[in-house]
Amino acid sequence: MVMGKALYSVGFWIRETGQALDRLGCRLQGKNHFREQLSRHRTLMNVFDKAPSVDKQAFVAPSASLIGNVHVGPASSIWYGCVLRGDANSISVGAGTNIQDNTLVHVAKSNLSGKVLPTLIGDNVTIGHSAVLHGCTVEDEAYIGASATVLDGAHVEKQAMVESGALVRQNTRIPSGEVWGGNPARFMRKVTEEEKAFFSSSAVDYSNLAQVHTAENTKNLDETDFKKLLYKKNARDAEYDDLSLSENVPKSA
């Protein structure tokens, strides 16, 4: 225990020294320091001894934040601007799930019922842009629409759908194969077979798209600059070819 605290303290001061040197370097660069092209954002952050665990086949966007006790399974994708904060309890994301841009996922430390709740998200789940999930459970192949809110103790069963903008109140259970919407959310209708097929295809499409973003985000600065120059050259060549072609077209009488 003593050794662990000592190593933590040494690591803390090394990182603090590095950050101080970074700030000094920015001041020396003056007005040019903003031209940094690679993200300096801390995507993964521990809370004391709780650290995120991300499968090597998962994609986490550079501007996303995974904090504390967060587990992300294979082929899942956490997109730009998302925050998954597992400080008071854990967050678990299964395989093949996509959590789209600006979504917030947190846990319940204290609520009216006094429960401490994790957030559990299953396999092949689609969570739309800017959704909020708080201390809830979402089962496999469910669909959470953009800007929907799912609160403490709520349970969305397999292949259920929460419509965009809906508010699922505390301790609400949405049965499998049902569509709920509104504020507060209530039963609207049954999920169609076409929608069920879309849930599966959406998960696969996002998993494939995440591979493209992973490839782009793992390029170093030299590769990025070279690609920009190549694009510019190709654009100039295409523009020259178009100009030459137009000059060679015979004018009509």
C-alpha atoms as a PDB file:
ATOM      1  CA  MET A   1       0.000   0.000   0.000  1.00  0.00           C
ATOM      2  CA  VAL A   2       2.814   2.398   0.959  1.00  0.00           C
ATOM      3  CA  MET A   3       4.745   1.506  -2.201  1.00  0.00           C
ATOM      4  CA  GLY A   4       1.642   2.106  -4.327  1.00  0.00           C
ATOM      5  CA  LYS A   5       1.109   5.570  -2.837  1.00  0.00           C
ATOM      6  CA  ALA A   6       4.782   6.414  -3.356  1.00  0.00           C
ATOM      7  CA  LEU A   7       4.659   5.374  -7.034  1.00  0.00           C
ATOM      8  CA  TYR A   8       1.442   7.333  -7.509  1.00  0.00           C
ATOM      9  CA  SER A   9       3.055  10.442  -6.005  1.00  0.00           C
ATOM     10  CA  VAL A  10       6.169  10.111  -8.187  1.00  0.00           C
ATOM     11  CA  GLY A  11       4.038   9.650 -11.296  1.00  0.00           C
ATOM     12  CA  PHE A  12       1.894  12.643 -10.307  1.00  0.00           C
ATOM     13  CA  TRP A  13       4.894  14.964  -9.974  1.00  0.00           C
ATOM     14  CA  ILE A  14       6.438  13.746 -13.232  1.00  0.00           C
ATOM     15  CA  ARG A  15       3.189  14.517 -15.056  1.00  0.00           C
ATOM     16  CA  GLU A  16       2.889  17.900 -13.328  1.00  0.00           C
ATOM     17  CA  THR A  17       6.434  18.739 -14.436  1.00  0.00           C
ATOM     18  CA  GLY A  18       5.590  17.729 -18.003  1.00  0.00           C
ATOM     19  CA  GLN A  19       2.474  19.911 -18.007  1.00  0.00           C
ATOM     20  CA  ALA A  20       4.462  22.855 -16.637  1.00  0.00           C
ATOM     21  CA  LEU A  21       7.033  22.445 -19.419  1.00  0.00           C
ATOM     22  CA  ASP A  22       4.202  22.250 -21.953  1.00  0.00           C
ATOM     23  CA  ARG A  23       2.721  25.530 -20.700  1.00  0.00           C
ATOM     24  CA  LEU A  24       6.162  27.147 -20.842  1.00  0.00           C
ATOM     25  CA  GLY A  25       6.629  25.925 -24.418  1.00  0.00           C
ATOM     26  CA  CYS A  26       3.248  27.389 -25.420  1.00  0.00           C
ATOM     27  CA  ARG A  27       4.222  30.775 -23.984  1.00  0.00           C
ATOM     28  CA  LEU A  28       7.509  30.687 -25.890  1.00  0.00           C
ATOM     29  CA  GLN A  29       5.629  29.876 -29.111  1.00  0.00           C
ATOM     30  CA  GLY A  30       3.487  32.952 -28.531  1.00  0.00           C
ATOM     31  CA  LYS A  31       0.685  33.513 -30.990  1.00  0.00           C
ATOM     32  CA  ASN A  32       1.681  30.448 -33.041  1.00  0.00           C
ATOM     33  CA  HIS A  33       0.977  27.805 -30.375  1.00  0.00           C
ATOM     34  CA  PHE A  34      -2.680  27.481 -31.447  1.00  0.00           C
ATOM     35  CA  ARG A  35      -1.537  25.895 -34.716  1.00  0.00           C
ATOM     36  CA  GLU A  36      -1.057  22.517 -33.014  1.00  0.00           C
ATOM     37  CA  GLN A  37      -2.752  20.039 -35.395  1.00  0.00           C
ATOM     38  CA  LEU A  38      -2.995  16.957 -33.214  1.00  0.00           C
ATOM     39  CA  SER A  39      -5.458  16.675 -30.344  1.00  0.00           C
ATOM     40  CA  ARG A  40      -3.996  17.294 -26.877  1.00  0.00           C
ATOM     41  CA  HIS A  41      -7.177  16.159 -25.119  1.00  0.00           C
ATOM     42  CA  ARG A  42      -6.976  13.426 -22.443  1.00  0.00           C
ATOM     43  CA  THR A  43      -9.381  10.824 -23.750  1.00  0.00           C
ATOM     44  CA  LEU A  44      -8.846   8.286 -20.950  1.00  0.00           C
ATOM     45  CA  MET A  45      -8.666   9.459 -17.361  1.00  0.00           C
ATOM     46  CA  ASN A  46      -8.505   7.505 -14.146  1.00  0.00           C
ATOM     47  CA  VAL A  47     -10.202   8.394 -10.862  1.00  0.00           C
ATOM     48  CA  PHE A  48      -7.747   7.242  -8.177  1.00  0.00           C
ATOM     49  CA  ASP A  49      -7.488   3.457  -8.744  1.00  0.00           C
ATOM     50  CA  LYS A  50     -10.400   3.314 -11.228  1.00  0.00           C
ATOM     51  CA  ALA A  51      -9.199   3.393 -14.832  1.00  0.00           C
ATOM     52  CA  PRO A  52     -11.067   2.935 -18.142  1.00  0.00           C
ATOM     53  CA  SER A  53     -10.715  -0.388 -19.956  1.00  0.00           C
ATOM     54  CA  VAL A  54     -11.096  -0.213 -23.742  1.00  0.00           C
ATOM     55  CA  ASP A  55     -10.873  -3.234 -26.029  1.00  0.00           C
ATOM     56  CA  LYS A  56      -8.177  -2.871 -28.680  1.00  0.00           C
ATOM     57  CA  GLN A  57     -10.798  -3.330 -31.408  1.00  0.00           C
ATOM     58  CA  ALA A  58     -12.987  -0.475 -30.104  1.00  0.00           C
ATOM     59  CA  PHE A  59     -12.883   3.111 -31.351  1.00  0.00           C
ATOM     60  CA  VAL A  60     -12.843   6.054 -28.961  1.00  0.00           C
ATOM     61  CA  ALA A  61     -12.819   9.465 -30.656  1.00  0.00           C
ATOM     62  CA  PRO A  62     -10.004  11.823 -29.604  1.00  0.00           C
ATOM     63  CA  SER A  63     -12.442  14.383 -28.202  1.00  0.00           C
ATOM     64  CA  ALA A  64     -14.424  11.851 -26.156  1.00  0.00           C
ATOM     65  CA  SER A  65     -13.832  11.469 -22.403  1.00  0.00           C
ATOM     66  CA  LEU A  66     -13.828   8.123 -20.600  1.00  0.00           C
ATOM     67  CA  ILE A  67     -13.372   8.694 -16.899  1.00  0.00           C
ATOM     68  CA  GLY A  68     -12.959   6.148 -14.109  1.00  0.00           C
ATOM     69  CA  ASN A  69     -14.555   2.700 -14.073  1.00  0.00           C
ATOM     70  CA  VAL A  70     -15.624   2.454 -17.730  1.00  0.00           C
ATOM     71  CA  HIS A  71     -15.421  -0.730 -19.821  1.00  0.00           C
ATOM     72  CA  VAL A  72     -15.857  -0.684 -23.619  1.00  0.00           C
ATOM     73  CA  GLY A  73     -16.151  -3.976 -25.509  1.00  0.00           C
ATOM     74  CA  PRO A  74     -14.828  -5.020 -28.940  1.00  0.00           C
ATOM     75  CA  ALA A  75     -16.043  -3.298 -32.129  1.00  0.00           C
ATOM     76  CA  SER A  76     -17.874  -0.640 -30.118  1.00  0.00           C
ATOM     77  CA  SER A  77     -17.465   3.050 -30.915  1.00  0.00           C
ATOM     78  CA  ILE A  78     -17.571   6.113 -28.682  1.00  0.00           C
ATOM     79  CA  TRP A  79     -17.908   9.168 -30.910  1.00  0.00           C
ATOM     80  CA  TYR A  80     -16.787  12.786 -30.767  1.00  0.00           C
ATOM     81  CA  GLY A  81     -17.680  14.824 -27.718  1.00  0.00           C
ATOM     82  CA  CYS A  82     -19.080  11.912 -25.688  1.00  0.00           C
ATOM     83  CA  VAL A  83     -18.546  11.787 -21.928  1.00  0.00           C
ATOM     84  CA  LEU A  84     -18.685   8.463 -20.052  1.00  0.00           C
ATOM     85  CA  ARG A  85     -18.055   9.194 -16.370  1.00  0.00           C
ATOM     86  CA  GLY A  86     -17.756   6.141 -14.156  1.00  0.00           C
ATOM     87  CA  ASP A  87     -16.685   7.717 -10.888  1.00  0.00           C
ATOM     88  CA  ALA A  88     -19.287   6.745  -8.265  1.00  0.00           C
ATOM     89  CA  ASN A  89     -20.050   3.431  -9.994  1.00  0.00           C
ATOM     90  CA  SER A  90     -19.261   1.538 -13.193  1.00  0.00           C
ATOM     91  CA  ILE A  91     -20.244   1.923 -16.839  1.00  0.00           C
ATOM     92  CA  SER A  92     -20.215  -1.132 -19.082  1.00  0.00           C
ATOM     93  CA  VAL A  93     -20.558  -0.991 -22.880  1.00  0.00           C
ATOM     94  CA  GLY A  94     -20.863  -4.318 -24.707  1.00  0.00           C
ATOM     95  CA  ALA A  95     -19.631  -5.382 -28.149  1.00  0.00           C
ATOM     96  CA  GLY A  96     -20.604  -3.670 -31.412  1.00  0.00           C
ATOM     97  CA  THR A  97     -22.398  -0.791 -29.689  1.00  0.00           C
ATOM     98  CA  ASN A  98     -22.223   2.782 -30.990  1.00  0.00           C
ATOM     99  CA  ILE A  99     -22.587   5.806 -28.704  1.00  0.00           C
ATOM    100  CA  GLN A 100     -22.922   8.788 -30.988  1.00  0.00           C
ATOM    101  CA  ASP A 101     -21.589  12.335 -30.749  1.00  0.00           C
ATOM    102  CA  ASN A 102     -22.112  14.455 -27.605  1.00  0.00           C
ATOM    103  CA  THR A 103     -23.845  11.709 -25.622  1.00  0.00           C
ATOM    104  CA  LEU A 104     -23.510  11.759 -21.826  1.00  0.00           C
ATOM    105  CA  VAL A 105     -23.389   8.519 -19.833  1.00  0.00           C
ATOM    106  CA  HIS A 106     -23.172   8.676 -16.045  1.00  0.00           C
ATOM    107  CA  VAL A 107     -24.063   6.551 -13.021  1.00  0.00           C
ATOM    108  CA  ALA A 108     -26.402   7.135 -10.075  1.00  0.00           C
ATOM    109  CA  LYS A 109     -24.655   7.763  -6.758  1.00  0.00           C
ATOM    110  CA  SER A 110     -27.695   8.907  -4.847  1.00  0.00           C
ATOM    111  CA  ASN A 111     -31.329   9.350  -5.784  1.00  0.00           C
ATOM    112  CA  LEU A 112     -34.784   9.349  -4.195  1.00  0.00           C
ATOM    113  CA  SER A 113     -34.685   5.579  -3.637  1.00  0.00           C
ATOM    114  CA  GLY A 114     -31.198   5.726  -2.158  1.00  0.00           C
ATOM    115  CA  LYS A 115     -29.780   3.267  -4.711  1.00  0.00           C
ATOM    116  CA  VAL A 116     -26.289   3.387  -6.177  1.00  0.00           C
ATOM    117  CA  LEU A 117     -26.694   2.259  -9.775  1.00  0.00           C
ATOM    118  CA  PRO A 118     -24.232   1.445 -12.574  1.00  0.00           C
ATOM    119  CA  THR A 119     -25.045   2.054 -16.237  1.00  0.00           C
ATOM    120  CA  LEU A 120     -25.140  -1.152 -18.265  1.00  0.00           C
ATOM    121  CA  ILE A 121     -25.304  -1.053 -22.076  1.00  0.00           C
ATOM    122  CA  GLY A 122     -25.496  -4.322 -24.000  1.00  0.00           C
ATOM    123  CA  ASP A 123     -24.281  -5.527 -27.398  1.00  0.00           C
ATOM    124  CA  ASN A 124     -25.129  -3.917 -30.768  1.00  0.00           C
ATOM    125  CA  VAL A 125     -26.957  -1.004 -29.186  1.00  0.00           C
ATOM    126  CA  THR A 126     -27.389   2.287 -31.069  1.00  0.00           C
ATOM    127  CA  ILE A 127     -27.466   5.444 -28.966  1.00  0.00           C
ATOM    128  CA  GLY A 128     -28.220   8.579 -30.979  1.00  0.00           C
ATOM    129  CA  HIS A 129     -26.546  11.978 -30.813  1.00  0.00           C
ATOM    130  CA  SER A 130     -26.750  13.991 -27.578  1.00  0.00           C
ATOM    131  CA  ALA A 131     -28.597  11.327 -25.584  1.00  0.00           C
ATOM    132  CA  VAL A 132     -28.337  11.183 -21.774  1.00  0.00           C
ATOM    133  CA  LEU A 133     -28.135   7.856 -19.948  1.00  0.00           C
ATOM    134  CA  HIS A 134     -27.984   7.938 -16.157  1.00  0.00           C
ATOM    135  CA  GLY A 135     -27.805   4.864 -13.924  1.00  0.00           C
ATOM    136  CA  CYS A 136     -29.891   2.754 -16.311  1.00  0.00           C
ATOM    137  CA  THR A 137     -29.776  -0.556 -18.203  1.00  0.00           C
ATOM    138  CA  VAL A 138     -30.076  -0.881 -21.988  1.00  0.00           C
ATOM    139  CA  GLU A 139     -30.191  -4.437 -23.333  1.00  0.00           C
ATOM    140  CA  ASP A 140     -28.841  -5.872 -26.608  1.00  0.00           C
ATOM    141  CA  GLU A 141     -29.934  -4.408 -29.960  1.00  0.00           C
ATOM    142  CA  ALA A 142     -31.989  -1.639 -28.360  1.00  0.00           C
ATOM    143  CA  TYR A 143     -32.231   1.782 -29.999  1.00  0.00           C
ATOM    144  CA  ILE A 144     -32.055   5.084 -28.120  1.00  0.00           C
ATOM    145  CA  GLY A 145     -32.974   8.069 -30.295  1.00  0.00           C
ATOM    146  CA  ALA A 146     -31.108  11.365 -30.519  1.00  0.00           C
ATOM    147  CA  SER A 147     -31.500  13.690 -27.506  1.00  0.00           C
ATOM    148  CA  ALA A 148     -33.425  11.050 -25.554  1.00  0.00           C
ATOM    149  CA  THR A 149     -32.959  10.863 -21.764  1.00  0.00           C
ATOM    150  CA  VAL A 150     -33.040   7.592 -19.810  1.00  0.00           C
ATOM    151  CA  LEU A 151     -32.934   8.106 -16.045  1.00  0.00           C
ATOM    152  CA  ASP A 152     -32.038   6.211 -12.872  1.00  0.00           C
ATOM    153  CA  GLY A 153     -33.231   2.625 -12.618  1.00  0.00           C
ATOM    154  CA  ALA A 154     -34.864   2.614 -16.061  1.00  0.00           C
ATOM    155  CA  HIS A 155     -34.558  -0.625 -18.019  1.00  0.00           C
ATOM    156  CA  VAL A 156     -34.807  -0.768 -21.821  1.00  0.00           C
ATOM    157  CA  GLU A 157     -35.213  -4.380 -22.906  1.00  0.00           C
ATOM    158  CA  LYS A 158     -33.832  -6.105 -26.011  1.00  0.00           C
ATOM    159  CA  GLN A 159     -34.879  -4.614 -29.379  1.00  0.00           C
ATOM    160  CA  ALA A 160     -36.911  -1.895 -27.703  1.00  0.00           C
ATOM    161  CA  MET A 161     -36.839   1.654 -29.049  1.00  0.00           C
ATOM    162  CA  VAL A 162     -36.842   5.029 -27.311  1.00  0.00           C
ATOM    163  CA  GLU A 163     -37.840   7.786 -29.715  1.00  0.00           C
ATOM    164  CA  SER A 164     -35.760  10.921 -30.233  1.00  0.00           C
ATOM    165  CA  GLY A 165     -36.273  13.534 -27.514  1.00  0.00           C
ATOM    166  CA  ALA A 166     -38.154  11.165 -25.212  1.00  0.00           C
ATOM    167  CA  LEU A 167     -37.784  11.265 -21.420  1.00  0.00           C
ATOM    168  CA  VAL A 168     -37.776   7.848 -19.762  1.00  0.00           C
ATOM    169  CA  ARG A 169     -38.474   8.464 -16.086  1.00  0.00           C
ATOM    170  CA  GLN A 170     -36.888   6.722 -13.101  1.00  0.00           C
ATOM    171  CA  ASN A 171     -37.517   2.967 -12.709  1.00  0.00           C
ATOM    172  CA  THR A 172     -39.484   2.708 -15.972  1.00  0.00           C
ATOM    173  CA  ARG A 173     -39.234  -0.631 -17.752  1.00  0.00           C
ATOM    174  CA  ILE A 174     -39.663  -0.664 -21.532  1.00  0.00           C
ATOM    175  CA  PRO A 175     -40.553  -4.204 -22.692  1.00  0.00           C
ATOM    176  CA  SER A 176     -38.813  -5.886 -25.596  1.00  0.00           C
ATOM    177  CA  GLY A 177     -40.136  -4.960 -29.030  1.00  0.00           C
ATOM    178  CA  GLU A 178     -41.952  -1.786 -27.963  1.00  0.00           C
ATOM    179  CA  VAL A 179     -41.530   1.839 -29.053  1.00  0.00           C
ATOM    180  CA  TRP A 180     -41.813   4.495 -26.347  1.00  0.00           C
ATOM    181  CA  GLY A 181     -41.834   8.237 -26.872  1.00  0.00           C
ATOM    182  CA  GLY A 182     -42.896  11.554 -25.397  1.00  0.00           C
ATOM    183  CA  ASN A 183     -42.249  13.402 -22.132  1.00  0.00           C
ATOM    184  CA  PRO A 184     -42.704  11.440 -19.999  1.00  0.00           C
ATOM    185  CA  ALA A 185     -42.192   8.451 -22.294  1.00  0.00           C
ATOM    186  CA  ARG A 186     -45.119   6.112 -22.779  1.00  0.00           C
ATOM    187  CA  PHE A 187     -45.966   3.178 -25.035  1.00  0.00           C
ATOM    188  CA  MET A 188     -46.537   4.249 -28.648  1.00  0.00           C
ATOM    189  CA  ARG A 189     -46.594   1.058 -30.713  1.00  0.00           C
ATOM    190  CA  LYS A 190     -44.762  -2.177 -31.469  1.00  0.00           C
ATOM    191  CA  VAL A 191     -41.382  -2.232 -33.235  1.00  0.00           C
ATOM    192  CA  THR A 192     -41.701  -3.285 -36.881  1.00  0.00           C
ATOM    193  CA  GLU A 193     -39.605  -5.984 -38.512  1.00  0.00           C
ATOM    194  CA  GLU A 194     -38.002  -3.319 -40.719  1.00  0.00           C
ATOM    195  CA  GLU A 195     -36.960  -1.373 -37.616  1.00  0.00           C
ATOM    196  CA  LYS A 196     -35.473  -4.479 -36.025  1.00  0.00           C
ATOM    197  CA  ALA A 197     -33.419  -5.060 -39.169  1.00  0.00           C
ATOM    198  CA  PHE A 198     -32.340  -1.419 -39.078  1.00  0.00           C
ATOM    199  CA  PHE A 199     -31.160  -1.752 -35.462  1.00  0.00           C
ATOM    200  CA  SER A 200     -28.799  -4.551 -36.515  1.00  0.00           C
ATOM    201  CA  SER A 201     -27.581  -2.827 -39.681  1.00  0.00           C
ATOM    202  CA  SER A 202     -27.010   0.452 -37.833  1.00  0.00           C
ATOM    203  CA  ALA A 203     -24.718  -1.285 -35.373  1.00  0.00           C
ATOM    204  CA  VAL A 204     -22.735  -2.920 -38.196  1.00  0.00           C
ATOM    205  CA  ASP A 205     -22.521   0.312 -40.216  1.00  0.00           C
ATOM    206  CA  TYR A 206     -21.161   2.259 -37.271  1.00  0.00           C
ATOM    207  CA  SER A 207     -18.679  -0.488 -36.464  1.00  0.00           C
ATOM    208  CA  ASN A 208     -17.361  -0.315 -40.044  1.00  0.00           C
ATOM    209  CA  LEU A 209     -17.301   3.481 -40.036  1.00  0.00           C
ATOM    210  CA  ALA A 210     -15.371   3.444 -36.768  1.00  0.00           C
ATOM    211  CA  GLN A 211     -12.574   1.507 -38.474  1.00  0.00           C
ATOM    212  CA  VAL A 212     -12.183   4.337 -40.994  1.00  0.00           C
ATOM    213  CA  HIS A 213     -11.999   6.931 -38.215  1.00  0.00           C
ATOM    214  CA  THR A 214      -9.533   4.777 -36.287  1.00  0.00           C
ATOM    215  CA  ALA A 215      -7.221   4.664 -39.315  1.00  0.00           C
ATOM    216  CA  GLU A 216      -7.420   8.447 -39.768  1.00  0.00           C
ATOM    217  CA  ASN A 217      -6.879   9.244 -36.097  1.00  0.00           C
ATOM    218  CA  THR A 218      -3.838   7.001 -35.737  1.00  0.00           C
ATOM    219  CA  LYS A 219      -1.886   8.817 -38.459  1.00  0.00           C
ATOM    220  CA  ASN A 220       1.028  10.908 -37.257  1.00  0.00           C
ATOM    221  CA  LEU A 221       1.547  14.564 -38.118  1.00  0.00           C
ATOM    222  CA  ASP A 222       3.889  13.851 -41.053  1.00  0.00           C
ATOM    223  CA  GLU A 223       1.362  11.504 -42.661  1.00  0.00           C
ATOM    224  CA  THR A 224      -1.405  14.065 -42.178  1.00  0.00           C
ATOM    225  CA  ASP A 225       0.608  16.883 -43.760  1.00  0.00           C
ATOM    226  CA  PHE A 226       1.660  14.656 -46.676  1.00  0.00           C
ATOM    227  CA  LYS A 227      -1.956  13.712 -47.326  1.00  0.00           C
ATOM    228  CA  LYS A 228      -3.002  17.377 -47.321  1.00  0.00           C
ATOM    229  CA  LEU A 229      -0.275  18.198 -49.859  1.00  0.00           C
ATOM    230  CA  LEU A 230      -1.331  15.250 -52.006  1.00  0.00           C
ATOM    231  CA  TYR A 231      -4.964  16.402 -51.982  1.00  0.00           C
ATOM    232  CA  LYS A 232      -3.903  19.916 -53.000  1.00  0.00           C
ATOM    233  CA  LYS A 233      -1.719  18.580 -55.827  1.00  0.00           C
ATOM    234  CA  ASN A 234      -4.500  16.339 -57.140  1.00  0.00           C
ATOM    235  CA  ALA A 235      -6.939  19.254 -56.979  1.00  0.00           C
ATOM    236  CA  ARG A 236      -4.540  21.470 -58.954  1.00  0.00           C
ATOM    237  CA  ASP A 237      -3.942  18.704 -61.516  1.00  0.00           C
ATOM    238  CA  ALA A 238      -7.675  18.210 -61.960  1.00  0.00           C
ATOM    239  CA  GLU A 239      -8.196  21.955 -62.334  1.00  0.00           C
ATOM    240  CA  TYR A 240      -5.401  22.105 -64.962  1.00  0.00           C
ATOM    241  CA  ASP A 241      -6.883  19.158 -66.859  1.00  0.00           C
ATOM    242  CA  ASP A 242     -10.316  20.827 -66.916  1.00  0.00           C
ATOM    243  CA  LEU A 243      -8.790  24.084 -68.154  1.00  0.00           C
ATOM    244  CA  SER A 244      -6.791  22.355 -70.910  1.00  0.00           C
ATOM    245  CA  LEU A 245      -9.828  20.408 -72.019  1.00  0.00           C
ATOM    246  CA  SER A 246     -11.946  23.547 -72.295  1.00  0.00           C
ATOM    247  CA  GLU A 247      -9.253  25.347 -74.312  1.00  0.00           C
ATOM    248  CA  ASN A 248      -9.070  22.478 -76.820  1.00  0.00           C
ATOM    249  CA  VAL A 249     -12.802  22.319 -77.450  1.00  0.00           C
ATOM    250  CA  PRO A 250     -13.478  23.900 -80.879  1.00  0.00           C
ATOM    251  CA  LYS A 251     -15.632  27.003 -80.772  1.00  0.00           C
ATOM    252  CA  SER A 252     -18.966  26.854 -82.541  1.00  0.00           C
ATOM    253  CA  ALA A 253     -19.527  29.145 -85.514  1.00  0.00           C
END
